[in-house]
Amino acid sequence: MEGDGEVIISPVQNCSHCESGECHESKDSIICYCDKELVLATDGVSCINASEASLQPPQPSLSHLALGLSVGTSALIAALLLVVSGVMIST
């Protein structure tokens, strides 16, 4: 309250991770700013030219890659277990 002589001091955000060095805090995270004619890239840190943003192909999600690798690994392990158990039964 101003009348009581109290001052509210907000901590200054460290925006060194942002390409522009400027950011603001939202409810959930810190959002980087970009200069004019630039837009924030999908990494949330880099700034790219707005015309280049529409030309870039969409990047595949890392979760799809992880899912594919885990399913492939599980199938390989299951196949190896079947082969080993088949060899053990036949001997």
N, C-alpha and C. Protein backbone atom coordinates (compact mmCIF):
# COMPACT_ATOMS: atom_id res chain seq x y z
N MET A 1 0.83 -1.17 0.00
CA MET A 1 0.00 0.00 0.00
C MET A 1 0.87 1.24 0.00
N GLU A 2 0.56 2.16 -0.87
CA GLU A 2 1.35 3.38 -0.94
C GLU A 2 1.20 4.23 0.31
N GLY A 3 0.01 4.25 0.89
CA GLY A 3 -0.25 5.09 2.04
C GLY A 3 0.54 4.69 3.27
N ASP A 4 0.92 3.38 3.34
CA ASP A 4 1.65 2.90 4.50
C ASP A 4 3.16 3.00 4.33
N GLY A 5 3.61 3.46 3.18
CA GLY A 5 5.04 3.55 2.92
C GLY A 5 5.66 2.25 2.46
N GLU A 6 4.84 1.23 2.15
CA GLU A 6 5.35 -0.05 1.68
C GLU A 6 5.60 0.01 0.19
N VAL A 7 6.63 -0.67 -0.23
CA VAL A 7 6.97 -0.76 -1.65
C VAL A 7 7.03 -2.23 -2.02
N ILE A 8 6.35 -2.59 -3.09
CA ILE A 8 6.39 -3.97 -3.57
C ILE A 8 7.49 -4.05 -4.62
N ILE A 9 8.46 -4.92 -4.37
CA ILE A 9 9.58 -5.08 -5.31
C ILE A 9 9.41 -6.41 -6.01
N SER A 10 9.29 -6.37 -7.32
CA SER A 10 9.18 -7.59 -8.11
C SER A 10 10.57 -7.98 -8.58
N PRO A 11 10.89 -9.26 -8.51
CA PRO A 11 12.21 -9.69 -8.98
C PRO A 11 12.34 -9.47 -10.48
N VAL A 12 13.52 -9.10 -10.92
CA VAL A 12 13.78 -8.90 -12.35
C VAL A 12 14.05 -10.26 -12.97
N GLN A 13 13.36 -10.54 -14.06
CA GLN A 13 13.54 -11.81 -14.74
C GLN A 13 14.87 -11.84 -15.48
N ASN A 14 15.54 -12.97 -15.44
CA ASN A 14 16.75 -13.16 -16.22
C ASN A 14 16.34 -13.68 -17.59
N CYS A 15 16.46 -12.84 -18.60
CA CYS A 15 16.03 -13.21 -19.95
C CYS A 15 17.21 -13.54 -20.85
N SER A 16 18.33 -13.93 -20.26
CA SER A 16 19.53 -14.21 -21.06
C SER A 16 19.33 -15.41 -21.98
N HIS A 17 18.38 -16.29 -21.68
CA HIS A 17 18.13 -17.44 -22.54
C HIS A 17 17.37 -17.05 -23.81
N CYS A 18 16.74 -15.89 -23.81
CA CYS A 18 16.00 -15.42 -24.98
C CYS A 18 16.97 -14.79 -25.98
N GLU A 19 16.71 -14.99 -27.25
CA GLU A 19 17.56 -14.42 -28.30
C GLU A 19 17.57 -12.89 -28.22
N SER A 20 16.42 -12.31 -27.95
CA SER A 20 16.33 -10.85 -27.88
C SER A 20 16.79 -10.31 -26.53
N GLY A 21 16.86 -11.17 -25.52
CA GLY A 21 17.23 -10.74 -24.19
C GLY A 21 16.10 -10.10 -23.42
N GLU A 22 14.88 -10.14 -23.98
CA GLU A 22 13.71 -9.54 -23.33
C GLU A 22 12.62 -10.60 -23.18
N CYS A 23 11.92 -10.57 -22.04
CA CYS A 23 10.86 -11.54 -21.82
C CYS A 23 9.88 -10.99 -20.79
N HIS A 24 8.80 -11.73 -20.60
CA HIS A 24 7.85 -11.40 -19.53
C HIS A 24 7.35 -12.71 -18.92
N GLU A 25 6.86 -12.60 -17.71
CA GLU A 25 6.40 -13.79 -17.00
C GLU A 25 4.89 -13.92 -17.14
N SER A 26 4.44 -15.11 -17.55
CA SER A 26 3.01 -15.40 -17.59
C SER A 26 2.70 -16.26 -16.37
N LYS A 27 1.49 -16.77 -16.28
CA LYS A 27 1.12 -17.60 -15.13
C LYS A 27 2.00 -18.82 -15.00
N ASP A 28 2.28 -19.49 -16.14
CA ASP A 28 2.96 -20.77 -16.10
C ASP A 28 4.44 -20.72 -16.45
N SER A 29 4.87 -19.73 -17.20
CA SER A 29 6.26 -19.75 -17.67
C SER A 29 6.73 -18.34 -18.02
N ILE A 30 7.95 -18.29 -18.52
CA ILE A 30 8.52 -17.04 -18.99
C ILE A 30 8.48 -17.07 -20.52
N ILE A 31 7.96 -16.01 -21.12
CA ILE A 31 7.79 -15.95 -22.57
C ILE A 31 8.75 -14.90 -23.13
N CYS A 32 9.52 -15.30 -24.15
CA CYS A 32 10.49 -14.40 -24.76
C CYS A 32 9.80 -13.46 -25.75
N TYR A 33 10.33 -12.24 -25.86
CA TYR A 33 9.88 -11.28 -26.86
C TYR A 33 10.79 -11.35 -28.07
N CYS A 34 10.28 -10.96 -29.22
CA CYS A 34 11.09 -10.85 -30.44
C CYS A 34 10.97 -9.42 -30.98
N ASP A 35 11.98 -9.00 -31.74
CA ASP A 35 11.98 -7.67 -32.35
C ASP A 35 10.92 -7.62 -33.45
N LYS A 36 10.71 -6.41 -34.00
CA LYS A 36 9.73 -6.24 -35.08
C LYS A 36 10.06 -7.15 -36.24
N GLU A 37 9.03 -7.60 -36.94
CA GLU A 37 9.10 -8.45 -38.12
C GLU A 37 9.68 -9.84 -37.83
N LEU A 38 9.83 -10.18 -36.56
CA LEU A 38 10.29 -11.51 -36.18
C LEU A 38 9.22 -12.15 -35.31
N VAL A 39 9.15 -13.47 -35.37
CA VAL A 39 8.20 -14.21 -34.55
C VAL A 39 8.96 -15.23 -33.71
N LEU A 40 8.36 -15.62 -32.63
CA LEU A 40 8.98 -16.59 -31.75
C LEU A 40 8.92 -17.97 -32.39
N ALA A 41 10.07 -18.65 -32.45
CA ALA A 41 10.14 -19.99 -33.03
C ALA A 41 9.49 -21.00 -32.10
N THR A 42 9.33 -22.22 -32.58
CA THR A 42 8.68 -23.26 -31.79
C THR A 42 9.46 -23.66 -30.56
N ASP A 43 10.77 -23.36 -30.53
CA ASP A 43 11.56 -23.69 -29.34
C ASP A 43 11.29 -22.73 -28.19
N GLY A 44 10.58 -21.64 -28.46
CA GLY A 44 10.22 -20.69 -27.42
C GLY A 44 11.34 -19.75 -27.01
N VAL A 45 12.47 -19.80 -27.69
CA VAL A 45 13.63 -18.98 -27.34
C VAL A 45 14.13 -18.19 -28.53
N SER A 46 14.19 -18.82 -29.70
CA SER A 46 14.73 -18.19 -30.90
C SER A 46 13.69 -17.33 -31.59
N CYS A 47 14.18 -16.32 -32.31
CA CYS A 47 13.32 -15.47 -33.13
C CYS A 47 13.65 -15.72 -34.59
N ILE A 48 12.62 -15.89 -35.42
CA ILE A 48 12.83 -16.12 -36.84
C ILE A 48 12.01 -15.13 -37.65
N ASN A 49 12.41 -14.95 -38.90
CA ASN A 49 11.71 -14.06 -39.81
C ASN A 49 10.29 -14.62 -40.03
N ALA A 50 9.30 -13.76 -40.00
CA ALA A 50 7.91 -14.20 -40.14
C ALA A 50 7.66 -14.89 -41.47
N SER A 51 8.32 -14.46 -42.54
CA SER A 51 8.12 -15.10 -43.84
C SER A 51 8.78 -16.48 -43.87
N GLU A 52 9.87 -16.66 -43.15
CA GLU A 52 10.53 -17.97 -43.08
C GLU A 52 9.73 -18.95 -42.25
N ALA A 53 8.97 -18.45 -41.30
CA ALA A 53 8.20 -19.32 -40.41
C ALA A 53 7.17 -20.12 -41.19
N SER A 54 6.57 -19.52 -42.20
CA SER A 54 5.56 -20.23 -42.98
C SER A 54 6.19 -21.21 -43.96
N LEU A 55 7.48 -21.04 -44.29
CA LEU A 55 8.15 -21.93 -45.24
C LEU A 55 8.73 -23.17 -44.58
N GLN A 56 8.93 -23.15 -43.27
CA GLN A 56 9.54 -24.28 -42.59
C GLN A 56 8.54 -25.42 -42.46
N PRO A 57 9.00 -26.66 -42.75
CA PRO A 57 8.10 -27.80 -42.57
C PRO A 57 7.88 -28.05 -41.07
N PRO A 58 6.74 -28.57 -40.70
CA PRO A 58 6.49 -28.84 -39.29
C PRO A 58 7.44 -29.92 -38.78
N GLN A 59 7.95 -29.74 -37.59
CA GLN A 59 8.87 -30.70 -37.00
C GLN A 59 8.07 -31.84 -36.36
N PRO A 60 8.54 -33.08 -36.53
CA PRO A 60 7.82 -34.19 -35.89
C PRO A 60 7.96 -34.10 -34.37
N SER A 61 6.93 -34.50 -33.72
CA SER A 61 6.91 -34.45 -32.27
C SER A 61 7.86 -35.50 -31.70
N LEU A 62 8.56 -35.15 -30.66
CA LEU A 62 9.48 -36.08 -30.03
C LEU A 62 8.73 -37.25 -29.41
N SER A 63 7.50 -37.03 -28.98
CA SER A 63 6.74 -38.11 -28.37
C SER A 63 6.42 -39.20 -29.40
N HIS A 64 6.20 -38.83 -30.67
CA HIS A 64 5.96 -39.85 -31.70
C HIS A 64 7.20 -40.70 -31.92
N LEU A 65 8.36 -40.08 -31.91
CA LEU A 65 9.61 -40.81 -32.08
C LEU A 65 9.82 -41.76 -30.90
N ALA A 66 9.59 -41.28 -29.70
CA ALA A 66 9.77 -42.11 -28.51
C ALA A 66 8.80 -43.29 -28.52
N LEU A 67 7.56 -43.04 -28.93
CA LEU A 67 6.57 -44.11 -29.00
C LEU A 67 7.00 -45.16 -30.03
N GLY A 68 7.44 -44.73 -31.19
CA GLY A 68 7.87 -45.66 -32.23
C GLY A 68 9.05 -46.51 -31.79
N LEU A 69 10.02 -45.87 -31.12
CA LEU A 69 11.18 -46.62 -30.64
C LEU A 69 10.81 -47.61 -29.56
N SER A 70 9.91 -47.23 -28.65
CA SER A 70 9.53 -48.15 -27.58
C SER A 70 8.72 -49.34 -28.11
N VAL A 71 7.84 -49.10 -29.08
CA VAL A 71 7.07 -50.20 -29.67
C VAL A 71 8.00 -51.14 -30.44
N GLY A 72 8.92 -50.58 -31.19
CA GLY A 72 9.88 -51.40 -31.94
C GLY A 72 10.75 -52.23 -31.02
N THR A 73 11.23 -51.64 -29.96
CA THR A 73 12.07 -52.35 -29.00
C THR A 73 11.28 -53.46 -28.32
N SER A 74 10.05 -53.18 -27.94
CA SER A 74 9.21 -54.20 -27.30
C SER A 74 8.95 -55.37 -28.24
N ALA A 75 8.70 -55.08 -29.50
CA ALA A 75 8.45 -56.15 -30.48
C ALA A 75 9.70 -57.00 -30.68
N LEU A 76 10.87 -56.38 -30.72
CA LEU A 76 12.13 -57.11 -30.87
C LEU A 76 12.38 -58.01 -29.67
N ILE A 77 12.16 -57.51 -28.48
CA ILE A 77 12.36 -58.32 -27.27
C ILE A 77 11.38 -59.48 -27.23
N ALA A 78 10.12 -59.24 -27.60
CA ALA A 78 9.13 -60.32 -27.62
C ALA A 78 9.53 -61.40 -28.62
N ALA A 79 10.01 -61.01 -29.79
CA ALA A 79 10.43 -61.98 -30.80
C ALA A 79 11.63 -62.80 -30.31
N LEU A 80 12.58 -62.14 -29.67
CA LEU A 80 13.74 -62.87 -29.14
C LEU A 80 13.33 -63.84 -28.04
N LEU A 81 12.40 -63.45 -27.18
CA LEU A 81 11.93 -64.36 -26.14
C LEU A 81 11.23 -65.57 -26.73
N LEU A 82 10.45 -65.38 -27.77
CA LEU A 82 9.79 -66.52 -28.44
C LEU A 82 10.81 -67.48 -29.04
N VAL A 83 11.84 -66.94 -29.68
CA VAL A 83 12.87 -67.77 -30.29
C VAL A 83 13.62 -68.55 -29.22
N VAL A 84 14.01 -67.89 -28.15
CA VAL A 84 14.76 -68.56 -27.08
C VAL A 84 13.90 -69.62 -26.41
N SER A 85 12.64 -69.33 -26.13
CA SER A 85 11.77 -70.32 -25.49
C SER A 85 11.49 -71.48 -26.44
N GLY A 86 11.42 -71.23 -27.73
CA GLY A 86 11.22 -72.31 -28.70
C GLY A 86 12.43 -73.23 -28.76
N VAL A 87 13.61 -72.68 -28.65
CA VAL A 87 14.83 -73.47 -28.67
C VAL A 87 14.92 -74.29 -27.39
N MET A 88 14.54 -73.72 -26.26
CA MET A 88 14.62 -74.43 -24.99
C MET A 88 13.61 -75.58 -24.94
N ILE A 89 12.43 -75.40 -25.53
CA ILE A 89 11.41 -76.45 -25.52
C ILE A 89 11.81 -77.61 -26.43
N SER A 90 12.42 -77.31 -27.56
CA SER A 90 12.77 -78.35 -28.53
C SER A 90 13.98 -79.19 -28.08
N THR A 91 14.75 -78.72 -27.11
CA THR A 91 15.90 -79.52 -26.67
C THR A 91 15.62 -80.35 -25.48
